[in-house]
Amino acid sequence: MLGIVFSEFTQMVEDKFSMDTLDDILDASQNPHDGSYTAVGVYEHKELIDLVVALSEKTGVPADDLVQAFGEHMLARFNELYPMFFQDQDDMFKFLEGIEKRIHSEVRKLYPSAELPMIDWECPEPNIMQLHYKSGRPFAALALGLAKGCIAHFNESCEITMEGSPTDAIITLKRVPR
């Protein structure tokens, strides 16, 4: 898993909770890197799971809720770090349609060994989009958080649901009138 995910997760924990909480979860998870992640490094996804479990145990917040909140955090950070993907994008559905072609293809160019999830989409009706998340890693809740971050970024009014498993899920976004 790319290091930016880890470095952003540790930053989110520090920002939303505290440096002490971050230290505690690093100790509790017996983290082999002691929280020293580089954005360009590659790490085992189990380390992130261990950190989330430790944070959940420390805070009492369910792990899926923490992962969703992290997804929302990541979307905002991606906008700050990679504004070129958000420029000239004024429609959430159009932005989400481009995940594989615009974003994941660029990530694969920069990091050929990156194992990214597959995000396919379809619009069964004009105001409904379904994102199909498939991955060998159980982070559908992260994709749900990223989609929630898109709703906020594009100031949309949407109902959002997810069904399936942590490795194979469908996220449905339905635009609703304000």
Protein backbone atom coordinates (compact mmCIF):
# COMPACT_ATOMS: atom_id res chain seq x y z
CA MET A 1 0.00 0.00 0.00
CA LEU A 2 1.38 3.43 -0.90
CA GLY A 3 2.99 5.38 1.91
CA ILE A 4 0.89 8.47 1.36
CA VAL A 5 -2.06 6.55 2.79
CA PHE A 6 -0.09 5.84 5.97
CA SER A 7 1.39 9.30 6.34
CA GLU A 8 -2.04 10.87 5.86
CA PHE A 9 -3.64 8.46 8.33
CA THR A 10 -1.11 9.31 11.03
CA GLN A 11 -1.60 13.02 10.29
CA MET A 12 -5.38 12.64 10.58
CA VAL A 13 -5.01 10.88 13.95
CA GLU A 14 -2.73 13.63 15.22
CA ASP A 15 -5.08 16.38 13.94
CA LYS A 16 -8.41 14.88 15.02
CA PHE A 17 -7.28 13.23 18.24
CA SER A 18 -3.77 14.07 19.49
CA MET A 19 -0.10 13.27 19.20
CA ASP A 20 -0.45 11.20 22.38
CA THR A 21 -3.21 9.15 20.77
CA LEU A 22 -1.01 8.58 17.73
CA ASP A 23 1.86 7.44 19.95
CA ASP A 24 -0.48 5.13 21.86
CA ILE A 25 -1.86 3.44 18.74
CA LEU A 26 1.62 3.05 17.25
CA ASP A 27 2.69 1.29 20.46
CA ALA A 28 -0.50 -0.80 20.69
CA SER A 29 -0.28 -1.95 17.08
CA GLN A 30 3.39 -2.88 17.49
CA ASN A 31 3.98 -0.94 14.33
CA PRO A 32 7.20 -2.09 12.63
CA HIS A 33 7.85 1.39 11.22
CA ASP A 34 7.13 3.31 14.44
CA GLY A 35 4.93 5.65 12.41
CA SER A 36 7.79 6.69 10.15
CA TYR A 37 6.16 6.48 6.75
CA THR A 38 7.30 8.18 3.59
CA ALA A 39 4.74 9.20 1.00
CA VAL A 40 6.59 7.27 -1.71
CA GLY A 41 7.18 4.11 0.36
CA VAL A 42 5.18 0.91 0.04
CA TYR A 43 3.88 -0.85 3.14
CA GLU A 44 1.74 -3.85 4.02
CA HIS A 45 -1.95 -3.01 4.23
CA LYS A 46 -2.20 -5.05 7.43
CA GLU A 47 -0.25 -2.28 9.16
CA LEU A 48 -3.05 0.18 8.38
CA ILE A 49 -5.65 -2.30 9.61
CA ASP A 50 -3.67 -2.70 12.85
CA LEU A 51 -3.53 1.08 13.29
CA VAL A 52 -7.28 1.44 12.68
CA VAL A 53 -8.07 -1.36 15.15
CA ALA A 54 -5.81 0.23 17.77
CA LEU A 55 -7.45 3.64 17.21
CA SER A 56 -10.89 2.11 17.48
CA GLU A 57 -9.98 0.42 20.74
CA LYS A 58 -8.44 3.63 22.10
CA THR A 59 -11.33 5.93 21.12
CA GLY A 60 -14.36 3.64 21.16
CA VAL A 61 -15.23 4.75 17.63
CA PRO A 62 -16.15 1.81 15.34
CA ALA A 63 -13.37 0.94 12.90
CA ASP A 64 -15.56 1.41 9.80
CA ASP A 65 -16.50 4.91 10.99
CA LEU A 66 -12.83 5.76 11.41
CA VAL A 67 -11.98 4.44 7.94
CA GLN A 68 -14.85 6.44 6.40
CA ALA A 69 -13.68 9.58 8.19
CA PHE A 70 -10.20 8.88 6.86
CA GLY A 71 -11.60 8.63 3.33
CA GLU A 72 -13.20 12.05 3.72
CA HIS A 73 -9.91 13.41 5.05
CA MET A 74 -8.04 11.87 2.10
CA LEU A 75 -10.33 13.46 -0.49
CA ALA A 76 -9.70 16.90 1.00
CA ARG A 77 -5.95 16.22 1.11
CA PHE A 78 -5.89 14.92 -2.47
CA ASN A 79 -7.53 18.18 -3.53
CA GLU A 80 -4.73 20.10 -1.77
CA LEU A 81 -1.87 17.86 -2.96
CA TYR A 82 -3.07 17.10 -6.49
CA PRO A 83 -5.28 20.02 -7.58
CA MET A 84 -4.79 19.13 -11.24
CA PHE A 85 -7.25 16.25 -10.82
CA PHE A 86 -9.91 18.62 -9.49
CA GLN A 87 -9.37 21.52 -11.89
CA ASP A 88 -12.05 21.94 -14.51
CA GLN A 89 -14.23 19.49 -12.60
CA ASP A 90 -17.59 20.96 -11.67
CA ASP A 91 -19.67 17.80 -11.55
CA MET A 92 -19.24 15.06 -8.96
CA PHE A 93 -20.42 12.26 -11.26
CA LYS A 94 -18.03 13.33 -14.03
CA PHE A 95 -15.19 13.46 -11.50
CA LEU A 96 -16.01 9.97 -10.18
CA GLU A 97 -16.28 8.60 -13.73
CA GLY A 98 -12.65 9.58 -14.23
CA ILE A 99 -11.12 7.78 -11.25
CA GLU A 100 -9.70 4.88 -13.27
CA LYS A 101 -8.76 6.79 -16.43
CA ARG A 102 -7.54 10.08 -14.96
CA ILE A 103 -6.32 9.31 -11.47
CA HIS A 104 -5.46 5.63 -11.12
CA SER A 105 -3.72 5.59 -14.51
CA GLU A 106 -1.45 8.42 -13.36
CA VAL A 107 -0.74 6.70 -10.05
CA ARG A 108 0.22 3.52 -11.93
CA LYS A 109 2.64 5.51 -14.10
CA LEU A 110 4.35 6.94 -11.03
CA TYR A 111 4.17 3.76 -8.94
CA PRO A 112 4.07 0.72 -11.24
CA SER A 113 3.96 -1.67 -8.28
CA ALA A 114 0.93 0.06 -6.74
CA GLU A 115 -2.00 -2.28 -6.12
CA LEU A 116 -5.00 -0.03 -6.54
CA PRO A 117 -8.62 -1.07 -6.23
CA MET A 118 -10.75 -1.26 -9.33
CA ILE A 119 -13.50 1.36 -9.36
CA ASP A 120 -16.04 0.83 -12.12
CA TRP A 121 -19.18 2.89 -12.43
CA GLU A 122 -22.57 2.99 -14.02
CA CYS A 123 -25.46 5.43 -14.02
CA PRO A 124 -28.69 3.40 -14.15
CA GLU A 125 -30.66 6.67 -13.97
CA PRO A 126 -29.60 10.29 -14.61
CA ASN A 127 -29.32 11.17 -10.89
CA ILE A 128 -27.95 7.85 -9.65
CA MET A 129 -24.38 6.60 -9.84
CA GLN A 130 -23.16 3.23 -8.66
CA LEU A 131 -19.48 2.76 -7.95
CA HIS A 132 -18.29 -0.85 -7.98
CA TYR A 133 -15.33 -1.28 -5.63
CA LYS A 134 -13.20 -4.42 -5.99
CA SER A 135 -9.93 -5.00 -4.20
CA GLY A 136 -7.85 -7.66 -2.53
CA ARG A 137 -7.77 -5.32 0.44
CA PRO A 138 -10.76 -4.75 2.74
CA PHE A 139 -11.15 -1.00 2.34
CA ALA A 140 -14.60 -0.45 0.85
CA ALA A 141 -15.29 1.84 3.82
CA LEU A 142 -12.37 4.01 2.65
CA ALA A 143 -13.95 4.26 -0.81
CA LEU A 144 -17.25 5.19 0.86
CA GLY A 145 -15.46 7.95 2.79
CA LEU A 146 -13.82 9.21 -0.39
CA ALA A 147 -17.26 9.33 -2.06
CA LYS A 148 -18.62 11.25 0.95
CA GLY A 149 -15.68 13.61 0.59
CA CYS A 150 -16.66 14.14 -3.06
CA ILE A 151 -20.19 15.02 -2.02
CA ALA A 152 -18.80 17.67 0.32
CA HIS A 153 -16.20 18.93 -2.17
CA PHE A 154 -18.73 19.38 -4.96
CA ASN A 155 -21.38 20.70 -2.53
CA GLU A 156 -23.86 18.09 -3.71
CA SER A 157 -27.01 16.95 -1.97
CA CYS A 158 -26.89 13.16 -2.11
CA GLU A 159 -28.07 10.06 -0.39
CA ILE A 160 -25.27 7.51 -0.22
CA THR A 161 -25.43 3.83 0.61
CA MET A 162 -23.06 0.90 0.42
CA GLU A 163 -23.75 -2.79 0.20
CA GLY A 164 -21.51 -5.77 -0.23
CA SER A 165 -18.32 -6.80 1.49
CA PRO A 166 -15.17 -4.91 2.50
CA THR A 167 -13.46 -6.18 -0.69
CA ASP A 168 -16.39 -6.12 -3.14
CA ALA A 169 -18.99 -3.43 -2.67
CA ILE A 170 -21.39 -1.17 -4.52
CA ILE A 171 -21.61 2.44 -3.40
CA THR A 172 -24.77 4.16 -4.63
CA LEU A 173 -24.98 7.94 -4.83
CA LYS A 174 -28.38 9.45 -5.47
CA ARG A 175 -28.69 13.16 -6.07
CA VAL A 176 -31.61 14.64 -4.20
CA PRO A 177 -33.15 18.10 -4.57
CA ARG A 178 -32.17 20.67 -1.96
